[in-house]
């Protein structure tokens, strides 16, 4: 907060959102029910992981919808989320948690990963 981040409870995304988070490459990261976001609003369009990887053509999704899926995933796994997420591939298109978050942002359902 001393560096300019502004916290606000976001009912739509079920999280405490820190906007203008001053570190990181851009975008957002979810830690439990907290979203750290480098911008001013989660109501921005972003590409899905599969689209960015060139695997398919998806329309843009709302960043907040993608991050809300991670909030739900955290609610189920609690402190196990981060180790399981990292074991599944971390921040990449191979990670089923990221694909599920994209699916949820696209369709409004299916936030739990399909483990194949």
N, C-alpha and C. Protein backbone atom coordinates (compact mmCIF):
# COMPACT_ATOMS: atom_id res chain seq x y z
N UNK A 1 0.82 -1.20 0.00
CA UNK A 1 0.00 0.00 0.00
C UNK A 1 0.86 1.26 0.00
N UNK A 2 2.01 1.29 0.68
CA UNK A 2 2.84 2.48 0.61
C UNK A 2 3.32 2.77 -0.82
N UNK A 3 3.38 1.73 -1.67
CA UNK A 3 3.83 1.92 -3.05
C UNK A 3 2.69 2.30 -3.99
N UNK A 4 1.48 2.44 -3.46
CA UNK A 4 0.37 2.90 -4.29
C UNK A 4 -0.76 1.92 -4.52
N UNK A 5 -0.65 0.69 -4.06
CA UNK A 5 -1.72 -0.28 -4.24
C UNK A 5 -2.95 0.14 -3.43
N UNK A 6 -4.12 -0.05 -4.00
CA UNK A 6 -5.37 0.34 -3.35
C UNK A 6 -6.28 -0.88 -3.17
N UNK A 7 -6.53 -1.32 -1.92
CA UNK A 7 -7.39 -2.49 -1.71
C UNK A 7 -8.88 -2.10 -1.77
N UNK A 8 -9.67 -3.05 -2.27
CA UNK A 8 -11.12 -2.86 -2.30
C UNK A 8 -11.78 -4.23 -2.40
N UNK A 9 -12.82 -4.45 -1.59
CA UNK A 9 -13.57 -5.70 -1.67
C UNK A 9 -14.38 -5.68 -2.96
N UNK A 10 -14.27 -6.74 -3.72
CA UNK A 10 -14.99 -6.86 -4.98
C UNK A 10 -15.97 -8.02 -4.85
N UNK A 11 -17.24 -7.69 -4.69
CA UNK A 11 -18.27 -8.73 -4.51
C UNK A 11 -18.36 -9.63 -5.72
N UNK A 12 -18.26 -9.05 -6.90
CA UNK A 12 -18.41 -9.83 -8.12
C UNK A 12 -17.34 -10.93 -8.20
N UNK A 13 -16.13 -10.59 -7.82
CA UNK A 13 -15.02 -11.55 -7.93
C UNK A 13 -14.71 -12.26 -6.62
N UNK A 14 -15.51 -12.03 -5.58
CA UNK A 14 -15.40 -12.74 -4.30
C UNK A 14 -14.00 -12.60 -3.69
N UNK A 15 -13.42 -11.41 -3.80
CA UNK A 15 -12.04 -11.25 -3.32
C UNK A 15 -11.75 -9.81 -2.92
N UNK A 16 -10.72 -9.69 -2.09
CA UNK A 16 -10.15 -8.38 -1.80
C UNK A 16 -9.15 -8.12 -2.91
N UNK A 17 -9.38 -7.07 -3.68
CA UNK A 17 -8.53 -6.77 -4.85
C UNK A 17 -7.64 -5.58 -4.53
N UNK A 18 -6.35 -5.77 -4.74
CA UNK A 18 -5.39 -4.68 -4.62
C UNK A 18 -5.07 -4.20 -6.04
N UNK A 19 -5.63 -3.06 -6.42
CA UNK A 19 -5.36 -2.48 -7.73
C UNK A 19 -4.06 -1.69 -7.68
N UNK A 20 -3.45 -1.53 -8.82
CA UNK A 20 -2.18 -0.80 -8.96
C UNK A 20 -1.06 -1.42 -8.12
N UNK A 21 -1.05 -2.75 -8.05
CA UNK A 21 0.02 -3.46 -7.36
C UNK A 21 1.31 -3.18 -8.14
N UNK A 22 2.34 -2.67 -7.48
CA UNK A 22 3.49 -2.15 -8.21
C UNK A 22 4.54 -3.16 -8.68
N UNK A 23 4.37 -4.44 -8.41
CA UNK A 23 5.40 -5.40 -8.79
C UNK A 23 4.83 -6.44 -9.73
N UNK A 24 5.71 -7.06 -10.48
CA UNK A 24 5.32 -8.13 -11.38
C UNK A 24 5.27 -7.67 -12.82
N UNK A 25 5.09 -8.64 -13.72
CA UNK A 25 5.13 -8.34 -15.15
C UNK A 25 3.84 -7.72 -15.70
N UNK A 26 2.82 -7.64 -14.90
CA UNK A 26 1.54 -7.11 -15.38
C UNK A 26 0.45 -8.15 -15.23
N UNK A 27 -0.78 -7.71 -15.26
CA UNK A 27 -1.89 -8.64 -15.09
C UNK A 27 -2.28 -8.79 -13.64
N UNK A 28 -2.57 -10.04 -13.24
CA UNK A 28 -3.06 -10.29 -11.89
C UNK A 28 -2.60 -11.65 -11.41
N UNK A 29 -2.57 -11.79 -10.10
CA UNK A 29 -2.29 -13.08 -9.46
C UNK A 29 -3.24 -13.20 -8.28
N UNK A 30 -3.75 -14.41 -8.08
CA UNK A 30 -4.69 -14.67 -7.00
C UNK A 30 -4.02 -15.50 -5.93
N UNK A 31 -4.13 -15.05 -4.69
CA UNK A 31 -3.61 -15.76 -3.54
C UNK A 31 -4.75 -15.88 -2.54
N UNK A 32 -5.41 -17.02 -2.52
CA UNK A 32 -6.57 -17.20 -1.66
C UNK A 32 -7.72 -16.33 -2.15
N UNK A 33 -8.23 -15.48 -1.27
CA UNK A 33 -9.31 -14.57 -1.64
C UNK A 33 -8.78 -13.16 -1.83
N UNK A 34 -7.52 -13.06 -2.26
CA UNK A 34 -6.86 -11.79 -2.52
C UNK A 34 -6.35 -11.81 -3.96
N UNK A 35 -6.67 -10.77 -4.71
CA UNK A 35 -6.17 -10.63 -6.07
C UNK A 35 -5.26 -9.42 -6.11
N UNK A 36 -4.02 -9.64 -6.53
CA UNK A 36 -3.06 -8.55 -6.71
C UNK A 36 -3.06 -8.21 -8.19
N UNK A 37 -3.42 -6.97 -8.51
CA UNK A 37 -3.62 -6.57 -9.90
C UNK A 37 -2.80 -5.32 -10.20
N UNK A 38 -2.08 -5.32 -11.31
CA UNK A 38 -1.22 -4.18 -11.63
C UNK A 38 -1.98 -3.01 -12.26
N UNK A 39 -3.20 -3.24 -12.71
CA UNK A 39 -3.98 -2.19 -13.36
C UNK A 39 -4.99 -1.53 -12.44
N UNK A 40 -5.90 -0.79 -13.07
CA UNK A 40 -6.92 -0.05 -12.33
C UNK A 40 -8.24 -0.80 -12.18
N UNK A 41 -8.49 -1.81 -13.02
CA UNK A 41 -9.76 -2.50 -13.01
C UNK A 41 -9.59 -3.92 -13.54
N UNK A 42 -10.34 -4.86 -12.96
CA UNK A 42 -10.35 -6.22 -13.48
C UNK A 42 -11.30 -6.37 -14.66
N UNK A 43 -11.99 -5.30 -15.00
CA UNK A 43 -12.91 -5.32 -16.14
C UNK A 43 -12.17 -5.02 -17.44
N UNK A 44 -11.08 -5.74 -17.66
CA UNK A 44 -10.30 -5.58 -18.89
C UNK A 44 -10.27 -6.92 -19.62
N UNK A 45 -10.16 -6.84 -20.92
CA UNK A 45 -10.10 -8.04 -21.75
C UNK A 45 -8.68 -8.58 -21.79
N UNK A 46 -8.58 -9.89 -21.77
CA UNK A 46 -7.27 -10.53 -21.92
C UNK A 46 -7.45 -11.81 -22.73
N UNK A 47 -6.36 -12.28 -23.30
CA UNK A 47 -6.39 -13.52 -24.08
C UNK A 47 -6.31 -14.72 -23.15
N UNK A 48 -6.88 -15.83 -23.57
CA UNK A 48 -6.76 -17.06 -22.79
C UNK A 48 -5.35 -17.63 -22.98
N UNK A 49 -4.97 -18.54 -22.12
CA UNK A 49 -3.65 -19.15 -22.23
C UNK A 49 -3.53 -19.95 -23.52
N UNK A 50 -4.58 -20.68 -23.88
CA UNK A 50 -4.53 -21.47 -25.12
C UNK A 50 -4.44 -20.57 -26.35
N UNK A 51 -5.14 -19.45 -26.33
CA UNK A 51 -5.08 -18.51 -27.45
C UNK A 51 -3.66 -17.96 -27.59
N UNK A 52 -3.07 -17.53 -26.47
CA UNK A 52 -1.71 -16.99 -26.50
C UNK A 52 -0.69 -18.02 -26.97
N UNK A 53 -0.94 -19.29 -26.65
CA UNK A 53 -0.02 -20.35 -27.05
C UNK A 53 -0.24 -20.78 -28.49
N UNK A 54 -1.24 -20.21 -29.16
CA UNK A 54 -1.51 -20.55 -30.56
C UNK A 54 -2.23 -21.86 -30.76
N UNK A 55 -2.84 -22.39 -29.70
CA UNK A 55 -3.54 -23.67 -29.80
C UNK A 55 -4.95 -23.54 -30.37
N UNK A 56 -5.55 -22.36 -30.23
CA UNK A 56 -6.92 -22.18 -30.71
C UNK A 56 -7.21 -20.68 -30.79
N UNK A 57 -8.37 -20.37 -31.33
CA UNK A 57 -8.80 -18.98 -31.39
C UNK A 57 -9.96 -18.80 -30.41
N UNK A 58 -9.69 -18.13 -29.32
CA UNK A 58 -10.72 -17.81 -28.33
C UNK A 58 -10.96 -16.31 -28.37
N UNK A 59 -12.19 -15.91 -28.07
CA UNK A 59 -12.40 -14.46 -27.88
C UNK A 59 -11.72 -14.04 -26.57
N UNK A 60 -11.52 -12.76 -26.43
CA UNK A 60 -10.95 -12.25 -25.18
C UNK A 60 -11.89 -12.54 -24.03
N UNK A 61 -11.34 -12.68 -22.83
CA UNK A 61 -12.13 -12.92 -21.63
C UNK A 61 -11.89 -11.78 -20.65
N UNK A 62 -12.80 -11.63 -19.69
CA UNK A 62 -12.62 -10.62 -18.65
C UNK A 62 -11.62 -11.16 -17.63
N UNK A 63 -10.59 -10.38 -17.35
CA UNK A 63 -9.54 -10.79 -16.41
C UNK A 63 -10.13 -11.17 -15.06
N UNK A 64 -11.09 -10.42 -14.56
CA UNK A 64 -11.70 -10.72 -13.26
C UNK A 64 -12.39 -12.07 -13.23
N UNK A 65 -13.00 -12.48 -14.35
CA UNK A 65 -13.66 -13.79 -14.40
C UNK A 65 -12.62 -14.91 -14.29
N UNK A 66 -11.50 -14.74 -14.97
CA UNK A 66 -10.42 -15.72 -14.89
C UNK A 66 -9.90 -15.82 -13.46
N UNK A 67 -9.66 -14.70 -12.83
CA UNK A 67 -9.13 -14.69 -11.47
C UNK A 67 -10.15 -15.22 -10.47
N UNK A 68 -11.45 -14.97 -10.70
CA UNK A 68 -12.49 -15.49 -9.80
C UNK A 68 -12.45 -17.02 -9.79
N UNK A 69 -12.18 -17.64 -10.93
CA UNK A 69 -12.06 -19.10 -10.96
C UNK A 69 -10.95 -19.57 -10.03
N UNK A 70 -9.83 -18.84 -10.00
CA UNK A 70 -8.75 -19.21 -9.09
C UNK A 70 -9.16 -19.02 -7.62
N UNK A 71 -9.98 -18.02 -7.34
CA UNK A 71 -10.51 -17.84 -5.98
C UNK A 71 -11.31 -19.09 -5.59
N UNK A 72 -12.17 -19.56 -6.48
CA UNK A 72 -12.98 -20.76 -6.19
C UNK A 72 -12.07 -21.98 -6.00
N UNK A 73 -11.04 -22.12 -6.85
CA UNK A 73 -10.12 -23.24 -6.71
C UNK A 73 -9.41 -23.21 -5.36
N UNK A 74 -9.01 -22.01 -4.95
CA UNK A 74 -8.39 -21.85 -3.63
C UNK A 74 -9.36 -22.22 -2.51
N UNK A 75 -10.63 -21.89 -2.67
CA UNK A 75 -11.62 -22.21 -1.64
C UNK A 75 -11.71 -23.72 -1.42
N UNK A 76 -11.53 -24.49 -2.47
CA UNK A 76 -11.60 -25.94 -2.36
C UNK A 76 -10.31 -26.51 -1.76
N UNK A 77 -9.18 -26.07 -2.27
CA UNK A 77 -7.90 -26.67 -1.86
C UNK A 77 -7.21 -25.99 -0.68
N UNK A 78 -7.60 -24.77 -0.37
CA UNK A 78 -6.98 -24.05 0.74
C UNK A 78 -5.47 -23.94 0.55
N UNK A 79 -4.69 -24.20 1.61
CA UNK A 79 -3.24 -24.03 1.51
C UNK A 79 -2.57 -25.03 0.56
N UNK A 80 -3.29 -26.06 0.15
CA UNK A 80 -2.71 -27.02 -0.81
C UNK A 80 -2.73 -26.49 -2.24
N UNK A 81 -3.51 -25.40 -2.48
CA UNK A 81 -3.64 -24.91 -3.85
C UNK A 81 -2.29 -24.61 -4.49
N UNK A 82 -1.47 -23.82 -3.84
CA UNK A 82 -0.22 -23.39 -4.46
C UNK A 82 0.70 -24.57 -4.79
N UNK A 83 0.95 -25.51 -3.87
CA UNK A 83 1.80 -26.64 -4.27
C UNK A 83 1.20 -27.48 -5.39
N UNK A 84 -0.12 -27.70 -5.35
CA UNK A 84 -0.76 -28.49 -6.41
C UNK A 84 -0.69 -27.73 -7.74
N UNK A 85 -0.95 -26.43 -7.69
CA UNK A 85 -0.89 -25.58 -8.89
C UNK A 85 0.51 -25.64 -9.51
N UNK A 86 1.53 -25.50 -8.69
CA UNK A 86 2.91 -25.53 -9.19
C UNK A 86 3.27 -26.91 -9.73
N UNK A 87 2.80 -27.97 -9.06
CA UNK A 87 3.07 -29.33 -9.54
C UNK A 87 2.39 -29.61 -10.88
N UNK A 88 1.31 -28.89 -11.16
CA UNK A 88 0.58 -29.07 -12.42
C UNK A 88 1.15 -28.22 -13.56
N UNK A 89 2.22 -27.49 -13.30
CA UNK A 89 2.85 -26.76 -14.39
C UNK A 89 3.01 -25.27 -14.20
N UNK A 90 2.52 -24.74 -13.08
CA UNK A 90 2.66 -23.30 -12.84
C UNK A 90 1.92 -22.47 -13.87
N UNK A 91 2.44 -21.30 -14.15
CA UNK A 91 1.78 -20.37 -15.06
C UNK A 91 2.09 -20.80 -16.50
N UNK A 92 1.24 -21.68 -17.05
CA UNK A 92 1.42 -22.13 -18.42
C UNK A 92 0.13 -22.71 -18.95
N UNK A 93 0.06 -22.85 -20.25
CA UNK A 93 -1.13 -23.42 -20.89
C UNK A 93 -1.28 -24.90 -20.53
N UNK A 94 -0.21 -25.55 -20.13
CA UNK A 94 -0.29 -26.97 -19.75
C UNK A 94 -1.01 -27.17 -18.43
N UNK A 95 -1.10 -26.13 -17.61
CA UNK A 95 -1.68 -26.26 -16.28
C UNK A 95 -3.21 -26.38 -16.36
N UNK A 96 -3.78 -27.47 -15.87
CA UNK A 96 -5.24 -27.63 -15.93
C UNK A 96 -6.00 -26.58 -15.12
N UNK A 97 -5.36 -26.00 -14.10
CA UNK A 97 -6.01 -24.95 -13.32
C UNK A 97 -6.16 -23.68 -14.16
N UNK A 98 -5.16 -23.38 -14.99
CA UNK A 98 -5.25 -22.21 -15.87
C UNK A 98 -6.27 -22.44 -16.98
N UNK A 99 -6.28 -23.65 -17.55
CA UNK A 99 -7.27 -23.94 -18.60
C UNK A 99 -8.68 -23.89 -18.04
N UNK A 100 -8.87 -24.37 -16.80
CA UNK A 100 -10.19 -24.30 -16.17
C UNK A 100 -10.61 -22.86 -15.91
N UNK A 101 -9.66 -22.02 -15.48
CA UNK A 101 -9.97 -20.61 -15.25
C UNK A 101 -10.35 -19.93 -16.56
N UNK A 102 -9.67 -20.27 -17.64
CA UNK A 102 -10.03 -19.72 -18.95
C UNK A 102 -11.42 -20.21 -19.38
N UNK A 103 -11.69 -21.50 -19.17
CA UNK A 103 -13.00 -22.06 -19.54
C UNK A 103 -14.11 -21.34 -18.76
N UNK A 104 -13.87 -21.12 -17.46
CA UNK A 104 -14.86 -20.41 -16.65
C UNK A 104 -15.06 -18.99 -17.16
N UNK A 105 -13.98 -18.32 -17.52
CA UNK A 105 -14.08 -16.94 -18.03
C UNK A 105 -14.81 -16.90 -19.37
N UNK A 106 -14.66 -17.95 -20.17
CA UNK A 106 -15.34 -18.02 -21.47
C UNK A 106 -16.82 -18.39 -21.34
N UNK A 107 -17.12 -19.37 -20.47
CA UNK A 107 -18.45 -19.97 -20.42
C UNK A 107 -19.26 -19.69 -19.17
N UNK A 108 -18.60 -19.17 -18.12
CA UNK A 108 -19.30 -18.92 -16.87
C UNK A 108 -19.52 -20.17 -16.03
N UNK A 109 -18.85 -21.26 -16.38
CA UNK A 109 -18.95 -22.51 -15.63
C UNK A 109 -17.69 -23.33 -15.86
N UNK A 110 -17.49 -24.33 -15.04
CA UNK A 110 -16.36 -25.23 -15.23
C UNK A 110 -15.06 -24.73 -14.66
N UNK A 111 -15.09 -24.14 -13.45
CA UNK A 111 -13.86 -23.60 -12.86
C UNK A 111 -12.95 -24.66 -12.26
N UNK A 112 -13.46 -25.89 -12.05
CA UNK A 112 -12.61 -26.96 -11.53
C UNK A 112 -11.92 -27.64 -12.70
N UNK A 113 -10.61 -27.92 -12.57
CA UNK A 113 -9.87 -28.51 -13.69
C UNK A 113 -10.28 -29.93 -14.02
N UNK A 114 -10.19 -30.23 -15.28
CA UNK A 114 -10.38 -31.60 -15.77
C UNK A 114 -9.01 -32.21 -15.83
N UNK A 115 -8.71 -33.06 -14.90
CA UNK A 115 -7.39 -33.70 -14.88
C UNK A 115 -7.41 -34.90 -15.80
N UNK A 116 -6.56 -34.86 -16.81
CA UNK A 116 -6.54 -35.94 -17.81
C UNK A 116 -5.38 -36.84 -17.58
